[in-house]
Amino acid sequence: MNSLLTAIQMQDEEIAFLGFAALDETVFVGYEYLAKYLQQIGEVTTNIMATDNYSLQNEALKFWTDIAKTEAARTERKEPVFYIAAFGPSLIEIALQGLKSSQLTED
């Protein structure tokens, strides 16, 4: 996981995208595994939202959206959910930064 987080932060955008793709896949195949790394993931995605790289910002938003979708499905199956509620305030900041960035690209 540390390697994925390092890849996401690389200057090489292609490597960063591959890191996000692998991280996103982890949501679906290893949801519980993410708990140990969620603080780091939150920091990395927050840092990405503070950049001007709109493509990577979209990947960060997609990751958290997929977490939310996974948790919605788990809730319907009466399985435990952990992440969105725990990181709600931080996720609001990430989403607001994403909205701000999308408005800048429209101008």
PDB file of N, CA and C in Angstrom:
ATOM      1  N   MET A   1       0.829  -1.196   0.000  1.00  0.00           N
ATOM      2  CA  MET A   1       0.000   0.000   0.000  1.00  0.00           C
ATOM      3  C   MET A   1       0.870   1.256   0.000  1.00  0.00           C
ATOM      4  N   ASN A   2       1.955   1.212   0.755  1.00  0.00           N
ATOM      5  CA  ASN A   2       2.831   2.384   0.778  1.00  0.00           C
ATOM      6  C   ASN A   2       3.376   2.688  -0.614  1.00  0.00           C
ATOM      7  N   SER A   3       3.648   1.637  -1.387  1.00  0.00           N
ATOM      8  CA  SER A   3       4.135   1.831  -2.755  1.00  0.00           C
ATOM      9  C   SER A   3       3.076   2.492  -3.635  1.00  0.00           C
ATOM     10  N   LEU A   4       1.818   2.112  -3.441  1.00  0.00           N
ATOM     11  CA  LEU A   4       0.739   2.745  -4.209  1.00  0.00           C
ATOM     12  C   LEU A   4       0.639   4.222  -3.874  1.00  0.00           C
ATOM     13  N   LEU A   5       0.718   4.532  -2.600  1.00  0.00           N
ATOM     14  CA  LEU A   5       0.620   5.931  -2.184  1.00  0.00           C
ATOM     15  C   LEU A   5       1.812   6.739  -2.689  1.00  0.00           C
ATOM     16  N   THR A   6       2.976   6.112  -2.741  1.00  0.00           N
ATOM     17  CA  THR A   6       4.152   6.778  -3.308  1.00  0.00           C
ATOM     18  C   THR A   6       3.945   7.008  -4.798  1.00  0.00           C
ATOM     19  N   ALA A   7       3.418   5.995  -5.502  1.00  0.00           N
ATOM     20  CA  ALA A   7       3.181   6.124  -6.946  1.00  0.00           C
ATOM     21  C   ALA A   7       2.201   7.249  -7.250  1.00  0.00           C
ATOM     22  N   ILE A   8       1.160   7.363  -6.445  1.00  0.00           N
ATOM     23  CA  ILE A   8       0.152   8.398  -6.657  1.00  0.00           C
ATOM     24  C   ILE A   8       0.756   9.788  -6.561  1.00  0.00           C
ATOM     25  N   GLN A   9       1.787   9.925  -5.757  1.00  0.00           N
ATOM     26  CA  GLN A   9       2.400  11.235  -5.540  1.00  0.00           C
ATOM     27  C   GLN A   9       3.560  11.529  -6.496  1.00  0.00           C
ATOM     28  N   MET A  10       3.815  10.623  -7.425  1.00  0.00           N
ATOM     29  CA  MET A  10       4.924  10.805  -8.365  1.00  0.00           C
ATOM     30  C   MET A  10       4.627  11.954  -9.330  1.00  0.00           C
ATOM     31  N   GLN A  11       5.680  12.574  -9.809  1.00  0.00           N
ATOM     32  CA  GLN A  11       5.541  13.641 -10.801  1.00  0.00           C
ATOM     33  C   GLN A  11       5.081  13.087 -12.143  1.00  0.00           C
ATOM     34  N   ASP A  12       5.395  11.836 -12.409  1.00  0.00           N
ATOM     35  CA  ASP A  12       4.987  11.190 -13.654  1.00  0.00           C
ATOM     36  C   ASP A  12       3.489  10.880 -13.566  1.00  0.00           C
ATOM     37  N   GLU A  13       2.695  11.593 -14.342  1.00  0.00           N
ATOM     38  CA  GLU A  13       1.238  11.475 -14.247  1.00  0.00           C
ATOM     39  C   GLU A  13       0.755  10.072 -14.594  1.00  0.00           C
ATOM     40  N   GLU A  14       1.403   9.406 -15.533  1.00  0.00           N
ATOM     41  CA  GLU A  14       0.994   8.050 -15.907  1.00  0.00           C
ATOM     42  C   GLU A  14       1.152   7.091 -14.724  1.00  0.00           C
ATOM     43  N   ILE A  15       2.257   7.210 -14.008  1.00  0.00           N
ATOM     44  CA  ILE A  15       2.468   6.367 -12.828  1.00  0.00           C
ATOM     45  C   ILE A  15       1.443   6.704 -11.755  1.00  0.00           C
ATOM     46  N   ALA A  16       1.165   7.986 -11.570  1.00  0.00           N
ATOM     47  CA  ALA A  16       0.168   8.397 -10.584  1.00  0.00           C
ATOM     48  C   ALA A  16      -1.205   7.817 -10.918  1.00  0.00           C
ATOM     49  N   PHE A  17      -1.575   7.823 -12.201  1.00  0.00           N
ATOM     50  CA  PHE A  17      -2.862   7.246 -12.605  1.00  0.00           C
ATOM     51  C   PHE A  17      -2.904   5.744 -12.341  1.00  0.00           C
ATOM     52  N   LEU A  18      -1.797   5.059 -12.627  1.00  0.00           N
ATOM     53  CA  LEU A  18      -1.743   3.623 -12.361  1.00  0.00           C
ATOM     54  C   LEU A  18      -1.861   3.339 -10.861  1.00  0.00           C
ATOM     55  N   GLY A  19      -1.227   4.182 -10.056  1.00  0.00           N
ATOM     56  CA  GLY A  19      -1.354   4.042  -8.604  1.00  0.00           C
ATOM     57  C   GLY A  19      -2.786   4.211  -8.141  1.00  0.00           C
ATOM     58  N   PHE A  20      -3.471   5.224  -8.695  1.00  0.00           N
ATOM     59  CA  PHE A  20      -4.877   5.429  -8.339  1.00  0.00           C
ATOM     60  C   PHE A  20      -5.742   4.267  -8.805  1.00  0.00           C
ATOM     61  N   ALA A  21      -5.458   3.727  -9.982  1.00  0.00           N
ATOM     62  CA  ALA A  21      -6.243   2.588 -10.482  1.00  0.00           C
ATOM     63  C   ALA A  21      -6.118   1.396  -9.534  1.00  0.00           C
ATOM     64  N   ALA A  22      -4.901   1.140  -9.083  1.00  0.00           N
ATOM     65  CA  ALA A  22      -4.693   0.030  -8.153  1.00  0.00           C
ATOM     66  C   ALA A  22      -5.353   0.315  -6.800  1.00  0.00           C
ATOM     67  N   LEU A  23      -5.237   1.542  -6.329  1.00  0.00           N
ATOM     68  CA  LEU A  23      -5.865   1.915  -5.060  1.00  0.00           C
ATOM     69  C   LEU A  23      -7.378   1.775  -5.160  1.00  0.00           C
ATOM     70  N   ASP A  24      -7.932   2.221  -6.267  1.00  0.00           N
ATOM     71  CA  ASP A  24      -9.378   2.143  -6.467  1.00  0.00           C
ATOM     72  C   ASP A  24      -9.841   0.687  -6.492  1.00  0.00           C
ATOM     73  N   GLU A  25      -9.055  -0.185  -7.095  1.00  0.00           N
ATOM     74  CA  GLU A  25      -9.409  -1.605  -7.136  1.00  0.00           C
ATOM     75  C   GLU A  25      -9.441  -2.190  -5.723  1.00  0.00           C
ATOM     76  N   THR A  26      -8.589  -1.684  -4.861  1.00  0.00           N
ATOM     77  CA  THR A  26      -8.544  -2.157  -3.472  1.00  0.00           C
ATOM     78  C   THR A  26      -9.874  -1.914  -2.771  1.00  0.00           C
ATOM     79  N   VAL A  27     -10.570  -0.857  -3.148  1.00  0.00           N
ATOM     80  CA  VAL A  27     -11.888  -0.568  -2.553  1.00  0.00           C
ATOM     81  C   VAL A  27     -12.813  -1.763  -2.751  1.00  0.00           C
ATOM     82  N   PHE A  28     -12.740  -2.374  -3.931  1.00  0.00           N
ATOM     83  CA  PHE A  28     -13.677  -3.445  -4.270  1.00  0.00           C
ATOM     84  C   PHE A  28     -13.215  -4.823  -3.806  1.00  0.00           C
ATOM     85  N   VAL A  29     -11.908  -5.046  -3.750  1.00  0.00           N
ATOM     86  CA  VAL A  29     -11.420  -6.382  -3.400  1.00  0.00           C
ATOM     87  C   VAL A  29     -10.866  -6.488  -1.987  1.00  0.00           C
ATOM     88  N   GLY A  30     -10.616  -5.364  -1.347  1.00  0.00           N
ATOM     89  CA  GLY A  30     -10.039  -5.416  -0.013  1.00  0.00           C
ATOM     90  C   GLY A  30     -10.481  -4.264   0.864  1.00  0.00           C
ATOM     91  N   TYR A  31     -11.778  -4.026   0.887  1.00  0.00           N
ATOM     92  CA  TYR A  31     -12.341  -2.893   1.622  1.00  0.00           C
ATOM     93  C   TYR A  31     -11.793  -2.809   3.048  1.00  0.00           C
ATOM     94  N   GLU A  32     -11.807  -3.912   3.783  1.00  0.00           N
ATOM     95  CA  GLU A  32     -11.360  -3.902   5.178  1.00  0.00           C
ATOM     96  C   GLU A  32      -9.875  -3.583   5.286  1.00  0.00           C
ATOM     97  N   TYR A  33      -9.107  -3.954   4.288  1.00  0.00           N
ATOM     98  CA  TYR A  33      -7.660  -3.738   4.279  1.00  0.00           C
ATOM     99  C   TYR A  33      -7.304  -2.256   4.313  1.00  0.00           C
ATOM    100  N   LEU A  34      -8.168  -1.412   3.798  1.00  0.00           N
ATOM    101  CA  LEU A  34      -7.892   0.023   3.710  1.00  0.00           C
ATOM    102  C   LEU A  34      -7.808   0.707   5.075  1.00  0.00           C
ATOM    103  N   ALA A  35      -8.421   0.135   6.090  1.00  0.00           N
ATOM    104  CA  ALA A  35      -8.500   0.795   7.404  1.00  0.00           C
ATOM    105  C   ALA A  35      -7.137   1.221   7.918  1.00  0.00           C
ATOM    106  N   LYS A  36      -6.177   0.378   7.762  1.00  0.00           N
ATOM    107  CA  LYS A  36      -4.834   0.623   8.267  1.00  0.00           C
ATOM    108  C   LYS A  36      -4.147   1.803   7.578  1.00  0.00           C
ATOM    109  N   TYR A  37      -4.594   2.120   6.379  1.00  0.00           N
ATOM    110  CA  TYR A  37      -3.935   3.147   5.565  1.00  0.00           C
ATOM    111  C   TYR A  37      -4.800   4.378   5.313  1.00  0.00           C
ATOM    112  N   LEU A  38      -5.974   4.407   5.878  1.00  0.00           N
ATOM    113  CA  LEU A  38      -6.921   5.466   5.527  1.00  0.00           C
ATOM    114  C   LEU A  38      -6.420   6.863   5.886  1.00  0.00           C
ATOM    115  N   GLN A  39      -5.738   6.995   6.983  1.00  0.00           N
ATOM    116  CA  GLN A  39      -5.203   8.311   7.340  1.00  0.00           C
ATOM    117  C   GLN A  39      -4.226   8.790   6.267  1.00  0.00           C
ATOM    118  N   GLN A  40      -3.322   7.902   5.827  1.00  0.00           N
ATOM    119  CA  GLN A  40      -2.364   8.255   4.778  1.00  0.00           C
ATOM    120  C   GLN A  40      -3.077   8.562   3.466  1.00  0.00           C
ATOM    121  N   ILE A  41      -4.072   7.755   3.126  1.00  0.00           N
ATOM    122  CA  ILE A  41      -4.828   7.978   1.896  1.00  0.00           C
ATOM    123  C   ILE A  41      -5.506   9.335   1.952  1.00  0.00           C
ATOM    124  N   GLY A  42      -6.086   9.662   3.091  1.00  0.00           N
ATOM    125  CA  GLY A  42      -6.727  10.967   3.255  1.00  0.00           C
ATOM    126  C   GLY A  42      -5.749  12.106   3.057  1.00  0.00           C
ATOM    127  N   GLU A  43      -4.554  11.973   3.623  1.00  0.00           N
ATOM    128  CA  GLU A  43      -3.539  13.016   3.471  1.00  0.00           C
ATOM    129  C   GLU A  43      -3.104  13.162   2.016  1.00  0.00           C
ATOM    130  N   VAL A  44      -2.887  12.038   1.351  1.00  0.00           N
ATOM    131  CA  VAL A  44      -2.453  12.073  -0.048  1.00  0.00           C
ATOM    132  C   VAL A  44      -3.529  12.707  -0.927  1.00  0.00           C
ATOM    133  N   THR A  45      -4.783  12.300  -0.738  1.00  0.00           N
ATOM    134  CA  THR A  45      -5.846  12.860  -1.580  1.00  0.00           C
ATOM    135  C   THR A  45      -6.069  14.337  -1.269  1.00  0.00           C
ATOM    136  N   THR A  46      -5.933  14.725  -0.019  1.00  0.00           N
ATOM    137  CA  THR A  46      -6.056  16.142   0.331  1.00  0.00           C
ATOM    138  C   THR A  46      -4.950  16.953  -0.336  1.00  0.00           C
ATOM    139  N   ASN A  47      -3.745  16.429  -0.313  1.00  0.00           N
ATOM    140  CA  ASN A  47      -2.623  17.120  -0.970  1.00  0.00           C
ATOM    141  C   ASN A  47      -2.842  17.245  -2.475  1.00  0.00           C
ATOM    142  N   ILE A  48      -3.392  16.212  -3.082  1.00  0.00           N
ATOM    143  CA  ILE A  48      -3.666  16.266  -4.523  1.00  0.00           C
ATOM    144  C   ILE A  48      -4.713  17.326  -4.832  1.00  0.00           C
ATOM    145  N   MET A  49      -5.701  17.449  -3.961  1.00  0.00           N
ATOM    146  CA  MET A  49      -6.747  18.440  -4.190  1.00  0.00           C
ATOM    147  C   MET A  49      -6.201  19.864  -4.106  1.00  0.00           C
ATOM    148  N   ALA A  50      -5.058  20.036  -3.468  1.00  0.00           N
ATOM    149  CA  ALA A  50      -4.457  21.366  -3.343  1.00  0.00           C
ATOM    150  C   ALA A  50      -3.564  21.712  -4.535  1.00  0.00           C
ATOM    151  N   THR A  51      -3.431  20.793  -5.498  1.00  0.00           N
ATOM    152  CA  THR A  51      -2.605  21.046  -6.673  1.00  0.00           C
ATOM    153  C   THR A  51      -3.474  21.573  -7.812  1.00  0.00           C
ATOM    154  N   ASP A  52      -2.834  21.853  -8.933  1.00  0.00           N
ATOM    155  CA  ASP A  52      -3.560  22.267 -10.136  1.00  0.00           C
ATOM    156  C   ASP A  52      -3.755  21.108 -11.099  1.00  0.00           C
ATOM    157  N   ASN A  53      -3.495  19.891 -10.659  1.00  0.00           N
ATOM    158  CA  ASN A  53      -3.627  18.730 -11.536  1.00  0.00           C
ATOM    159  C   ASN A  53      -5.069  18.218 -11.462  1.00  0.00           C
ATOM    160  N   TYR A  54      -5.885  18.733 -12.353  1.00  0.00           N
ATOM    161  CA  TYR A  54      -7.313  18.432 -12.323  1.00  0.00           C
ATOM    162  C   TYR A  54      -7.607  16.966 -12.621  1.00  0.00           C
ATOM    163  N   SER A  55      -6.787  16.344 -13.449  1.00  0.00           N
ATOM    164  CA  SER A  55      -6.989  14.925 -13.761  1.00  0.00           C
ATOM    165  C   SER A  55      -6.797  14.067 -12.514  1.00  0.00           C
ATOM    166  N   LEU A  56      -5.751  14.338 -11.753  1.00  0.00           N
ATOM    167  CA  LEU A  56      -5.528  13.575 -10.533  1.00  0.00           C
ATOM    168  C   LEU A  56      -6.553  13.923  -9.458  1.00  0.00           C
ATOM    169  N   GLN A  57      -7.000  15.169  -9.455  1.00  0.00           N
ATOM    170  CA  GLN A  57      -8.071  15.527  -8.521  1.00  0.00           C
ATOM    171  C   GLN A  57      -9.312  14.688  -8.808  1.00  0.00           C
ATOM    172  N   ASN A  58      -9.619  14.501 -10.079  1.00  0.00           N
ATOM    173  CA  ASN A  58     -10.771  13.664 -10.448  1.00  0.00           C
ATOM    174  C   ASN A  58     -10.581  12.237  -9.970  1.00  0.00           C
ATOM    175  N   GLU A  59      -9.351  11.732 -10.061  1.00  0.00           N
ATOM    176  CA  GLU A  59      -9.074  10.370  -9.583  1.00  0.00           C
ATOM    177  C   GLU A  59      -9.272  10.273  -8.073  1.00  0.00           C
ATOM    178  N   ALA A  60      -8.854  11.299  -7.355  1.00  0.00           N
ATOM    179  CA  ALA A  60      -9.039  11.320  -5.900  1.00  0.00           C
ATOM    180  C   ALA A  60     -10.534  11.321  -5.557  1.00  0.00           C
ATOM    181  N   LEU A  61     -11.291  12.145  -6.259  1.00  0.00           N
ATOM    182  CA  LEU A  61     -12.742  12.183  -6.032  1.00  0.00           C
ATOM    183  C   LEU A  61     -13.393  10.850  -6.385  1.00  0.00           C
ATOM    184  N   LYS A  62     -12.928  10.236  -7.464  1.00  0.00           N
ATOM    185  CA  LYS A  62     -13.463   8.929  -7.875  1.00  0.00           C
ATOM    186  C   LYS A  62     -13.201   7.885  -6.789  1.00  0.00           C
ATOM    187  N   PHE A  63     -12.010   7.904  -6.216  1.00  0.00           N
ATOM    188  CA  PHE A  63     -11.686   6.951  -5.158  1.00  0.00           C
ATOM    189  C   PHE A  63     -12.689   7.070  -4.007  1.00  0.00           C
ATOM    190  N   TRP A  64     -12.898   8.282  -3.523  1.00  0.00           N
ATOM    191  CA  TRP A  64     -13.806   8.462  -2.387  1.00  0.00           C
ATOM    192  C   TRP A  64     -15.254   8.179  -2.773  1.00  0.00           C
ATOM    193  N   THR A  65     -15.619   8.461  -4.012  1.00  0.00           N
ATOM    194  CA  THR A  65     -16.964   8.128  -4.497  1.00  0.00           C
ATOM    195  C   THR A  65     -17.157   6.615  -4.503  1.00  0.00           C
ATOM    196  N   ASP A  66     -16.122   5.885  -4.931  1.00  0.00           N
ATOM    197  CA  ASP A  66     -16.224   4.424  -4.934  1.00  0.00           C
ATOM    198  C   ASP A  66     -16.299   3.856  -3.521  1.00  0.00           C
ATOM    199  N   ILE A  67     -15.612   4.504  -2.584  1.00  0.00           N
ATOM    200  CA  ILE A  67     -15.759   4.094  -1.172  1.00  0.00           C
ATOM    201  C   ILE A  67     -17.218   4.276  -0.744  1.00  0.00           C
ATOM    202  N   ALA A  68     -17.798   5.422  -1.081  1.00  0.00           N
ATOM    203  CA  ALA A  68     -19.191   5.701  -0.696  1.00  0.00           C
ATOM    204  C   ALA A  68     -20.148   4.690  -1.334  1.00  0.00           C
ATOM    205  N   LYS A  69     -19.940   4.375  -2.609  1.00  0.00           N
ATOM    206  CA  LYS A  69     -20.799   3.389  -3.281  1.00  0.00           C
ATOM    207  C   LYS A  69     -20.664   2.010  -2.637  1.00  0.00           C
ATOM    208  N   THR A  70     -19.435   1.650  -2.313  1.00  0.00           N
ATOM    209  CA  THR A  70     -19.194   0.358  -1.663  1.00  0.00           C
ATOM    210  C   THR A  70     -19.888   0.315  -0.311  1.00  0.00           C
ATOM    211  N   GLU A  71     -19.795   1.408   0.428  1.00  0.00           N
ATOM    212  CA  GLU A  71     -20.440   1.441   1.739  1.00  0.00           C
ATOM    213  C   GLU A  71     -21.962   1.412   1.626  1.00  0.00           C
ATOM    214  N   ALA A  72     -22.503   2.030   0.606  1.00  0.00           N
ATOM    215  CA  ALA A  72     -23.953   1.969   0.400  1.00  0.00           C
ATOM    216  C   ALA A  72     -24.385   0.529   0.134  1.00  0.00           C
ATOM    217  N   ALA A  73     -23.632  -0.168  -0.701  1.00  0.00           N
ATOM    218  CA  ALA A  73     -23.960  -1.566  -0.994  1.00  0.00           C
ATOM    219  C   ALA A  73     -23.792  -2.442   0.250  1.00  0.00           C
ATOM    220  N   ARG A  74     -22.744  -2.196   1.019  1.00  0.00           N
ATOM    221  CA  ARG A  74     -22.526  -2.957   2.250  1.00  0.00           C
ATOM    222  C   ARG A  74     -23.652  -2.697   3.254  1.00  0.00           C
ATOM    223  N   THR A  75     -24.125  -1.474   3.323  1.00  0.00           N
ATOM    224  CA  THR A  75     -25.220  -1.131   4.236  1.00  0.00           C
ATOM    225  C   THR A  75     -26.479  -1.900   3.859  1.00  0.00           C
ATOM    226  N   GLU A  76     -26.759  -1.979   2.558  1.00  0.00           N
ATOM    227  CA  GLU A  76     -27.937  -2.726   2.108  1.00  0.00           C
ATOM    228  C   GLU A  76     -27.841  -4.195   2.481  1.00  0.00           C
ATOM    229  N   ARG A  77     -26.616  -4.724   2.483  1.00  0.00           N
ATOM    230  CA  ARG A  77     -26.409  -6.141   2.845  1.00  0.00           C
ATOM    231  C   ARG A  77     -26.230  -6.320   4.356  1.00  0.00           C
ATOM    232  N   LYS A  78     -26.374  -5.208   5.090  1.00  0.00           N
ATOM    233  CA  LYS A  78     -26.223  -5.193   6.547  1.00  0.00           C
ATOM    234  C   LYS A  78     -24.815  -5.589   6.981  1.00  0.00           C
ATOM    235  N   GLU A  79     -23.830  -5.218   6.175  1.00  0.00           N
ATOM    236  CA  GLU A  79     -22.419  -5.411   6.512  1.00  0.00           C
ATOM    237  C   GLU A  79     -21.889  -4.121   7.121  1.00  0.00           C
ATOM    238  N   PRO A  80     -20.882  -4.223   7.969  1.00  0.00           N
ATOM    239  CA  PRO A  80     -20.371  -3.001   8.608  1.00  0.00           C
ATOM    240  C   PRO A  80     -19.667  -2.074   7.610  1.00  0.00           C
ATOM    241  N   VAL A  81     -19.785  -0.787   7.884  1.00  0.00           N
ATOM    242  CA  VAL A  81     -19.087   0.242   7.098  1.00  0.00           C
ATOM    243  C   VAL A  81     -18.245   1.071   8.062  1.00  0.00           C
ATOM    244  N   PHE A  82     -17.145   1.619   7.550  1.00  0.00           N
ATOM    245  CA  PHE A  82     -16.200   2.252   8.456  1.00  0.00           C
ATOM    246  C   PHE A  82     -15.747   3.652   8.071  1.00  0.00           C
ATOM    247  N   TYR A  83     -15.615   3.940   6.813  1.00  0.00           N
ATOM    248  CA  TYR A  83     -14.753   5.031   6.402  1.00  0.00           C
ATOM    249  C   TYR A  83     -15.422   6.383   6.197  1.00  0.00           C
ATOM    250  N   ILE A  84     -16.527   6.430   5.480  1.00  0.00           N
ATOM    251  CA  ILE A  84     -17.133   7.713   5.141  1.00  0.00           C
ATOM    252  C   ILE A  84     -17.550   8.468   6.403  1.00  0.00           C
ATOM    253  N   ALA A  85     -18.200   7.799   7.323  1.00  0.00           N
ATOM    254  CA  ALA A  85     -18.622   8.478   8.554  1.00  0.00           C
ATOM    255  C   ALA A  85     -17.422   8.960   9.357  1.00  0.00           C
ATOM    256  N   ALA A  86     -16.383   8.167   9.399  1.00  0.00           N
ATOM    257  CA  ALA A  86     -15.206   8.531  10.195  1.00  0.00           C
ATOM    258  C   ALA A  86     -14.455   9.722   9.604  1.00  0.00           C
ATOM    259  N   PHE A  87     -14.476   9.844   8.286  1.00  0.00           N
ATOM    260  CA  PHE A  87     -13.708  10.899   7.625  1.00  0.00           C
ATOM    261  C   PHE A  87     -14.588  11.953   6.976  1.00  0.00           C
ATOM    262  N   GLY A  88     -15.853  11.986   7.357  1.00  0.00           N
ATOM    263  CA  GLY A  88     -16.810  12.911   6.764  1.00  0.00           C
ATOM    264  C   GLY A  88     -16.358  14.350   6.637  1.00  0.00           C
ATOM    265  N   PRO A  89     -15.926  14.995   7.722  1.00  0.00           N
ATOM    266  CA  PRO A  89     -15.507  16.403   7.602  1.00  0.00           C
ATOM    267  C   PRO A  89     -14.350  16.606   6.620  1.00  0.00           C
ATOM    268  N   SER A  90     -13.388  15.693   6.625  1.00  0.00           N
ATOM    269  CA  SER A  90     -12.269  15.796   5.683  1.00  0.00           C
ATOM    270  C   SER A  90     -12.748  15.608   4.247  1.00  0.00           C
ATOM    271  N   LEU A  91     -13.694  14.711   4.076  1.00  0.00           N
ATOM    272  CA  LEU A  91     -14.208  14.458   2.724  1.00  0.00           C
ATOM    273  C   LEU A  91     -14.986  15.649   2.191  1.00  0.00           C
ATOM    274  N   ILE A  92     -15.655  16.354   3.066  1.00  0.00           N
ATOM    275  CA  ILE A  92     -16.360  17.566   2.642  1.00  0.00           C
ATOM    276  C   ILE A  92     -15.351  18.579   2.109  1.00  0.00           C
ATOM    277  N   GLU A  93     -14.233  18.719   2.800  1.00  0.00           N
ATOM    278  CA  GLU A  93     -13.177  19.633   2.328  1.00  0.00           C
ATOM    279  C   GLU A  93     -12.627  19.200   0.975  1.00  0.00           C
ATOM    280  N   ILE A  94     -12.414  17.905   0.808  1.00  0.00           N
ATOM    281  CA  ILE A  94     -11.912  17.380  -0.474  1.00  0.00           C
ATOM    282  C   ILE A  94     -12.919  17.679  -1.581  1.00  0.00           C
ATOM    283  N   ALA A  95     -14.200  17.432  -1.306  1.00  0.00           N
ATOM    284  CA  ALA A  95     -15.237  17.681  -2.307  1.00  0.00           C
ATOM    285  C   ALA A  95     -15.338  19.164  -2.651  1.00  0.00           C
ATOM    286  N   LEU A  96     -15.261  20.022  -1.635  1.00  0.00           N
ATOM    287  CA  LEU A  96     -15.328  21.472  -1.892  1.00  0.00           C
ATOM    288  C   LEU A  96     -14.145  21.940  -2.735  1.00  0.00           C
ATOM    289  N   GLN A  97     -12.969  21.401  -2.451  1.00  0.00           N
ATOM    290  CA  GLN A  97     -11.795  21.753  -3.251  1.00  0.00           C
ATOM    291  C   GLN A  97     -11.988  21.293  -4.697  1.00  0.00           C
ATOM    292  N   GLY A  98     -12.569  20.110  -4.872  1.00  0.00           N
ATOM    293  CA  GLY A  98     -12.855  19.619  -6.210  1.00  0.00           C
ATOM    294  C   GLY A  98     -13.837  20.503  -6.954  1.00  0.00           C
ATOM    295  N   LEU A  99     -14.865  20.974  -6.250  1.00  0.00           N
ATOM    296  CA  LEU A  99     -15.831  21.880  -6.860  1.00  0.00           C
ATOM    297  C   LEU A  99     -15.169  23.207  -7.247  1.00  0.00           C
ATOM    298  N   LYS A 100     -14.341  23.701  -6.370  1.00  0.00           N
ATOM    299  CA  LYS A 100     -13.639  24.951  -6.645  1.00  0.00           C
ATOM    300  C   LYS A 100     -12.749  24.787  -7.874  1.00  0.00           C
ATOM    301  N   SER A 101     -12.041  23.685  -7.959  1.00  0.00           N
ATOM    302  CA  SER A 101     -11.159  23.436  -9.098  1.00  0.00           C
ATOM    303  C   SER A 101     -11.953  23.302 -10.392  1.00  0.00           C
ATOM    304  N   SER A 102     -13.110  22.651 -10.326  1.00  0.00           N
ATOM    305  CA  SER A 102     -13.910  22.489 -11.544  1.00  0.00           C
ATOM    306  C   SER A 102     -14.455  23.829 -12.013  1.00  0.00           C
ATOM    307  N   GLN A 103     -14.764  24.724 -11.097  1.00  0.00           N
ATOM    308  CA  GLN A 103     -15.218  26.056 -11.477  1.00  0.00           C
ATOM    309  C   GLN A 103     -14.096  26.848 -12.130  1.00  0.00           C
ATOM    310  N   LEU A 104     -12.864  26.662 -11.667  1.00  0.00           N
ATOM    311  CA  LEU A 104     -11.725  27.356 -12.259  1.00  0.00           C
ATOM    312  C   LEU A 104     -11.488  26.910 -13.688  1.00  0.00           C
ATOM    313  N   THR A 105     -11.697  25.613 -13.951  1.00  0.00           N
ATOM    314  CA  THR A 105     -11.471  25.112 -15.311  1.00  0.00           C
ATOM    315  C   THR A 105     -12.567  25.551 -16.260  1.00  0.00           C
ATOM    316  N   GLU A 106     -13.744  25.861 -15.731  1.00  0.00           N
ATOM    317  CA  GLU A 106     -14.849  26.332 -16.589  1.00  0.00           C
ATOM    318  C   GLU A 106     -14.684  27.787 -16.983  1.00  0.00           C
ATOM    319  N   ASP A 107     -13.942  28.572 -16.200  1.00  0.00           N
ATOM    320  CA  ASP A 107     -13.782  30.001 -16.471  1.00  0.00           C
ATOM    321  C   ASP A 107     -12.896  30.273 -17.642  1.00  0.00           C
TER     322      ASP A 107
END
